[in-house]
Amino acid sequence: MKIYTALSKLTLLTFLLMAFVMTACKDDEKEPDPVEDTNPIVGRWQLTAVTPETPGTTIPALAFIQTAAPCFLELKLTFNPNNTVTAADCPTAVSAIDPFVPVGTDAKWKVAGDKLTLSRGTTSQEFKITQTATNLTVVVNTQSDATKPAVNALLIFKRL
């Protein structure tokens, strides 16, 4: 009988020790919910025009985009709530404007005031934007020589 009592006490103590260890090792920290950006830019936008900022100005980069990518007005950009950008419907336009506006694979976005920052990897570029509920205009410097004055083009989008 003494062995039975001692064995039941030992079993009870083992059970309590295991329960204590299991609860002490529990990870109480939950993963934070992913933060989603609710900026008005979130959504799908279609390119409707690419024009010089100063009317009458000739911009060779614009002519290149229009020649290299005849489908450029079919280009659609989606600014996702997780701050990624996806492009659709005209891969040649993405390739043509990518040197000026990084919207290709793995692009990320951030808006602060009237500035849109697009980044990919370690490089990022900042653009002045004007936005309404249905229209988005992005000012892009097409001048690749930093020692020369900016030659700005306007990428005009409409919300889909």
C-alpha atoms as a PDB file:
ATOM      1  CA  MET A   1       0.000   0.000   0.000  1.00  0.00           C
ATOM      2  CA  LYS A   2       2.902   2.336   0.770  1.00  0.00           C
ATOM      3  CA  ILE A   3       4.316   1.721  -2.712  1.00  0.00           C
ATOM      4  CA  TYR A   4       0.937   2.531  -4.303  1.00  0.00           C
ATOM      5  CA  THR A   5       0.658   5.814  -2.331  1.00  0.00           C
ATOM      6  CA  ALA A   6       4.244   6.805  -3.143  1.00  0.00           C
ATOM      7  CA  LEU A   7       3.731   5.929  -6.826  1.00  0.00           C
ATOM      8  CA  SER A   8       0.515   7.948  -7.060  1.00  0.00           C
ATOM      9  CA  LYS A   9       2.226  10.967  -5.401  1.00  0.00           C
ATOM     10  CA  LEU A  10       5.140  10.651  -7.820  1.00  0.00           C
ATOM     11  CA  THR A  11       2.718  10.450 -10.778  1.00  0.00           C
ATOM     12  CA  LEU A  12       0.849  13.525  -9.542  1.00  0.00           C
ATOM     13  CA  LEU A  13       4.086  15.497  -9.077  1.00  0.00           C
ATOM     14  CA  THR A  14       5.296  14.449 -12.548  1.00  0.00           C
ATOM     15  CA  PHE A  15       2.010  15.535 -14.086  1.00  0.00           C
ATOM     16  CA  LEU A  16       2.117  18.919 -12.306  1.00  0.00           C
ATOM     17  CA  LEU A  17       5.761  19.447 -13.314  1.00  0.00           C
ATOM     18  CA  MET A  18       4.969  18.656 -16.970  1.00  0.00           C
ATOM     19  CA  ALA A  19       1.965  20.997 -16.909  1.00  0.00           C
ATOM     20  CA  PHE A  20       4.112  23.775 -15.441  1.00  0.00           C
ATOM     21  CA  VAL A  21       6.848  23.259 -18.058  1.00  0.00           C
ATOM     22  CA  MET A  22       4.321  23.250 -20.922  1.00  0.00           C
ATOM     23  CA  THR A  23       2.692  26.499 -19.810  1.00  0.00           C
ATOM     24  CA  ALA A  24       6.004  28.195 -18.991  1.00  0.00           C
ATOM     25  CA  CYS A  25       7.343  27.472 -22.484  1.00  0.00           C
ATOM     26  CA  LYS A  26       4.274  28.764 -24.290  1.00  0.00           C
ATOM     27  CA  ASP A  27       4.977  31.678 -26.655  1.00  0.00           C
ATOM     28  CA  ASP A  28       2.565  34.399 -25.588  1.00  0.00           C
ATOM     29  CA  GLU A  29       3.689  36.893 -28.249  1.00  0.00           C
ATOM     30  CA  LYS A  30       1.485  36.826 -31.293  1.00  0.00           C
ATOM     31  CA  GLU A  31       2.738  37.831 -34.716  1.00  0.00           C
ATOM     32  CA  PRO A  32       1.587  41.369 -35.454  1.00  0.00           C
ATOM     33  CA  ASP A  33      -1.029  41.696 -38.141  1.00  0.00           C
ATOM     34  CA  PRO A  34       0.469  42.989 -41.368  1.00  0.00           C
ATOM     35  CA  VAL A  35      -0.017  46.733 -41.685  1.00  0.00           C
ATOM     36  CA  GLU A  36      -1.962  47.690 -44.780  1.00  0.00           C
ATOM     37  CA  ASP A  37      -1.618  51.127 -46.297  1.00  0.00           C
ATOM     38  CA  THR A  38      -4.917  52.911 -46.844  1.00  0.00           C
ATOM     39  CA  ASN A  39      -3.515  55.772 -48.916  1.00  0.00           C
ATOM     40  CA  PRO A  40      -5.875  56.857 -51.736  1.00  0.00           C
ATOM     41  CA  ILE A  41      -3.299  55.696 -54.293  1.00  0.00           C
ATOM     42  CA  VAL A  42      -4.176  52.091 -53.430  1.00  0.00           C
ATOM     43  CA  GLY A  43      -6.004  50.635 -56.404  1.00  0.00           C
ATOM     44  CA  ARG A  44      -5.676  49.989 -60.112  1.00  0.00           C
ATOM     45  CA  TRP A  45      -4.651  52.785 -62.496  1.00  0.00           C
ATOM     46  CA  GLN A  46      -4.412  52.887 -66.296  1.00  0.00           C
ATOM     47  CA  LEU A  47      -1.959  55.100 -68.146  1.00  0.00           C
ATOM     48  CA  THR A  48      -3.913  57.526 -70.343  1.00  0.00           C
ATOM     49  CA  ALA A  49      -1.185  59.906 -71.535  1.00  0.00           C
ATOM     50  CA  VAL A  50       2.521  60.643 -71.428  1.00  0.00           C
ATOM     51  CA  THR A  51       3.164  64.314 -72.152  1.00  0.00           C
ATOM     52  CA  PRO A  52       5.879  66.930 -71.645  1.00  0.00           C
ATOM     53  CA  GLU A  53       5.403  69.045 -68.526  1.00  0.00           C
ATOM     54  CA  THR A  54       6.067  72.129 -70.635  1.00  0.00           C
ATOM     55  CA  PRO A  55       3.808  72.076 -73.714  1.00  0.00           C
ATOM     56  CA  GLY A  56       5.706  72.140 -76.995  1.00  0.00           C
ATOM     57  CA  THR A  57       8.839  70.586 -75.482  1.00  0.00           C
ATOM     58  CA  THR A  58      10.321  67.648 -77.341  1.00  0.00           C
ATOM     59  CA  ILE A  59      11.411  64.819 -75.064  1.00  0.00           C
ATOM     60  CA  PRO A  60      13.291  61.986 -76.818  1.00  0.00           C
ATOM     61  CA  ALA A  61      12.472  59.554 -73.990  1.00  0.00           C
ATOM     62  CA  LEU A  62       8.753  60.041 -74.652  1.00  0.00           C
ATOM     63  CA  ALA A  63       9.174  59.320 -78.336  1.00  0.00           C
ATOM     64  CA  PHE A  64      11.144  56.189 -77.412  1.00  0.00           C
ATOM     65  CA  ILE A  65       8.388  54.947 -75.079  1.00  0.00           C
ATOM     66  CA  GLN A  66       5.723  55.498 -77.713  1.00  0.00           C
ATOM     67  CA  THR A  67       7.799  53.818 -80.450  1.00  0.00           C
ATOM     68  CA  ALA A  68       9.150  50.912 -78.382  1.00  0.00           C
ATOM     69  CA  ALA A  69       5.819  50.182 -76.722  1.00  0.00           C
ATOM     70  CA  PRO A  70       2.853  50.979 -78.966  1.00  0.00           C
ATOM     71  CA  CYS A  71       0.614  49.421 -76.302  1.00  0.00           C
ATOM     72  CA  PHE A  72       1.800  51.911 -73.639  1.00  0.00           C
ATOM     73  CA  LEU A  73      -1.724  53.302 -73.148  1.00  0.00           C
ATOM     74  CA  GLU A  74      -2.856  49.818 -72.119  1.00  0.00           C
ATOM     75  CA  LEU A  75      -0.407  49.784 -69.184  1.00  0.00           C
ATOM     76  CA  LYS A  76      -2.089  49.286 -65.834  1.00  0.00           C
ATOM     77  CA  LEU A  77      -0.407  49.719 -62.453  1.00  0.00           C
ATOM     78  CA  THR A  78      -1.857  48.333 -59.257  1.00  0.00           C
ATOM     79  CA  PHE A  79      -0.743  49.939 -56.010  1.00  0.00           C
ATOM     80  CA  ASN A  80      -1.441  47.193 -53.481  1.00  0.00           C
ATOM     81  CA  PRO A  81      -2.256  47.814 -49.776  1.00  0.00           C
ATOM     82  CA  ASN A  82       0.931  45.938 -48.821  1.00  0.00           C
ATOM     83  CA  ASN A  83       2.971  48.669 -50.590  1.00  0.00           C
ATOM     84  CA  THR A  84       3.888  46.623 -53.650  1.00  0.00           C
ATOM     85  CA  VAL A  85       3.315  47.681 -57.248  1.00  0.00           C
ATOM     86  CA  THR A  86       2.283  45.329 -60.027  1.00  0.00           C
ATOM     87  CA  ALA A  87       2.173  46.172 -63.707  1.00  0.00           C
ATOM     88  CA  ALA A  88      -0.079  44.519 -66.285  1.00  0.00           C
ATOM     89  CA  ASP A  89      -1.178  44.475 -69.926  1.00  0.00           C
ATOM     90  CA  CYS A  90       1.903  45.937 -71.649  1.00  0.00           C
ATOM     91  CA  PRO A  91       5.246  44.428 -70.629  1.00  0.00           C
ATOM     92  CA  THR A  92       7.087  46.416 -73.318  1.00  0.00           C
ATOM     93  CA  ALA A  93       5.852  49.666 -71.739  1.00  0.00           C
ATOM     94  CA  VAL A  94       7.096  48.492 -68.338  1.00  0.00           C
ATOM     95  CA  SER A  95      10.523  47.851 -69.893  1.00  0.00           C
ATOM     96  CA  ALA A  96      10.479  51.226 -71.677  1.00  0.00           C
ATOM     97  CA  ILE A  97       9.565  53.340 -68.637  1.00  0.00           C
ATOM     98  CA  ASP A  98      11.449  51.262 -66.041  1.00  0.00           C
ATOM     99  CA  PRO A  99      14.682  53.308 -66.370  1.00  0.00           C
ATOM    100  CA  PHE A 100      12.694  56.416 -65.367  1.00  0.00           C
ATOM    101  CA  VAL A 101       9.991  54.893 -63.152  1.00  0.00           C
ATOM    102  CA  PRO A 102      10.842  51.593 -61.405  1.00  0.00           C
ATOM    103  CA  VAL A 103       7.556  49.701 -61.694  1.00  0.00           C
ATOM    104  CA  GLY A 104       8.954  46.339 -62.784  1.00  0.00           C
ATOM    105  CA  THR A 105       9.240  43.199 -60.686  1.00  0.00           C
ATOM    106  CA  ASP A 106       9.509  43.635 -56.889  1.00  0.00           C
ATOM    107  CA  ALA A 107       8.717  47.366 -56.935  1.00  0.00           C
ATOM    108  CA  LYS A 108       7.453  48.936 -53.719  1.00  0.00           C
ATOM    109  CA  TRP A 109       5.704  52.273 -53.154  1.00  0.00           C
ATOM    110  CA  LYS A 110       5.298  54.851 -50.396  1.00  0.00           C
ATOM    111  CA  VAL A 111       3.435  58.167 -50.437  1.00  0.00           C
ATOM    112  CA  ALA A 112       4.267  61.101 -48.172  1.00  0.00           C
ATOM    113  CA  GLY A 113       2.319  64.254 -48.952  1.00  0.00           C
ATOM    114  CA  ASP A 114       2.709  64.956 -52.664  1.00  0.00           C
ATOM    115  CA  LYS A 115       5.729  62.663 -53.048  1.00  0.00           C
ATOM    116  CA  LEU A 116       5.601  59.099 -54.356  1.00  0.00           C
ATOM    117  CA  THR A 117       8.675  56.998 -53.657  1.00  0.00           C
ATOM    118  CA  LEU A 118       9.150  53.903 -55.798  1.00  0.00           C
ATOM    119  CA  SER A 119      11.879  51.477 -54.837  1.00  0.00           C
ATOM    120  CA  ARG A 120      13.284  48.170 -55.897  1.00  0.00           C
ATOM    121  CA  GLY A 121      16.059  46.542 -53.928  1.00  0.00           C
ATOM    122  CA  THR A 122      18.439  49.232 -52.687  1.00  0.00           C
ATOM    123  CA  THR A 123      17.484  51.888 -55.244  1.00  0.00           C
ATOM    124  CA  SER A 124      14.602  54.300 -54.890  1.00  0.00           C
ATOM    125  CA  GLN A 125      13.286  57.318 -56.747  1.00  0.00           C
ATOM    126  CA  GLU A 126      10.977  60.074 -55.587  1.00  0.00           C
ATOM    127  CA  PHE A 127       8.323  61.640 -57.819  1.00  0.00           C
ATOM    128  CA  LYS A 128       6.002  64.588 -57.342  1.00  0.00           C
ATOM    129  CA  ILE A 129       2.379  63.527 -57.731  1.00  0.00           C
ATOM    130  CA  THR A 130      -0.999  65.189 -58.011  1.00  0.00           C
ATOM    131  CA  GLN A 131      -3.934  62.994 -57.151  1.00  0.00           C
ATOM    132  CA  THR A 132      -7.710  63.122 -57.088  1.00  0.00           C
ATOM    133  CA  ALA A 133     -10.166  60.274 -56.540  1.00  0.00           C
ATOM    134  CA  THR A 134     -10.071  59.412 -60.258  1.00  0.00           C
ATOM    135  CA  ASN A 135      -6.820  60.875 -61.646  1.00  0.00           C
ATOM    136  CA  LEU A 136      -3.132  60.516 -60.835  1.00  0.00           C
ATOM    137  CA  THR A 137      -0.345  62.539 -62.424  1.00  0.00           C
ATOM    138  CA  VAL A 138       3.280  61.550 -61.833  1.00  0.00           C
ATOM    139  CA  VAL A 139       6.047  64.029 -62.717  1.00  0.00           C
ATOM    140  CA  VAL A 140       9.062  62.136 -64.082  1.00  0.00           C
ATOM    141  CA  ASN A 141      12.484  63.601 -64.843  1.00  0.00           C
ATOM    142  CA  THR A 142      13.641  62.013 -68.109  1.00  0.00           C
ATOM    143  CA  GLN A 143      17.066  63.707 -68.003  1.00  0.00           C
ATOM    144  CA  SER A 144      19.667  61.026 -67.243  1.00  0.00           C
ATOM    145  CA  ASP A 145      22.534  63.526 -66.883  1.00  0.00           C
ATOM    146  CA  ALA A 146      22.428  64.911 -63.336  1.00  0.00           C
ATOM    147  CA  THR A 147      24.536  67.933 -64.350  1.00  0.00           C
ATOM    148  CA  LYS A 148      21.813  69.171 -66.715  1.00  0.00           C
ATOM    149  CA  PRO A 149      18.418  70.658 -65.840  1.00  0.00           C
ATOM    150  CA  ALA A 150      15.432  68.379 -65.433  1.00  0.00           C
ATOM    151  CA  VAL A 151      13.327  67.484 -68.452  1.00  0.00           C
ATOM    152  CA  ASN A 152      10.014  66.514 -66.929  1.00  0.00           C
ATOM    153  CA  ALA A 153       7.310  64.372 -68.423  1.00  0.00           C
ATOM    154  CA  LEU A 154       3.858  63.761 -67.001  1.00  0.00           C
ATOM    155  CA  LEU A 155       2.491  60.241 -66.690  1.00  0.00           C
ATOM    156  CA  ILE A 156      -1.264  60.634 -66.444  1.00  0.00           C
ATOM    157  CA  PHE A 157      -3.349  57.789 -65.040  1.00  0.00           C
ATOM    158  CA  LYS A 158      -7.058  57.246 -64.466  1.00  0.00           C
ATOM    159  CA  ARG A 159      -8.476  55.004 -61.769  1.00  0.00           C
ATOM    160  CA  LEU A 160     -10.133  51.812 -62.960  1.00  0.00           C
END
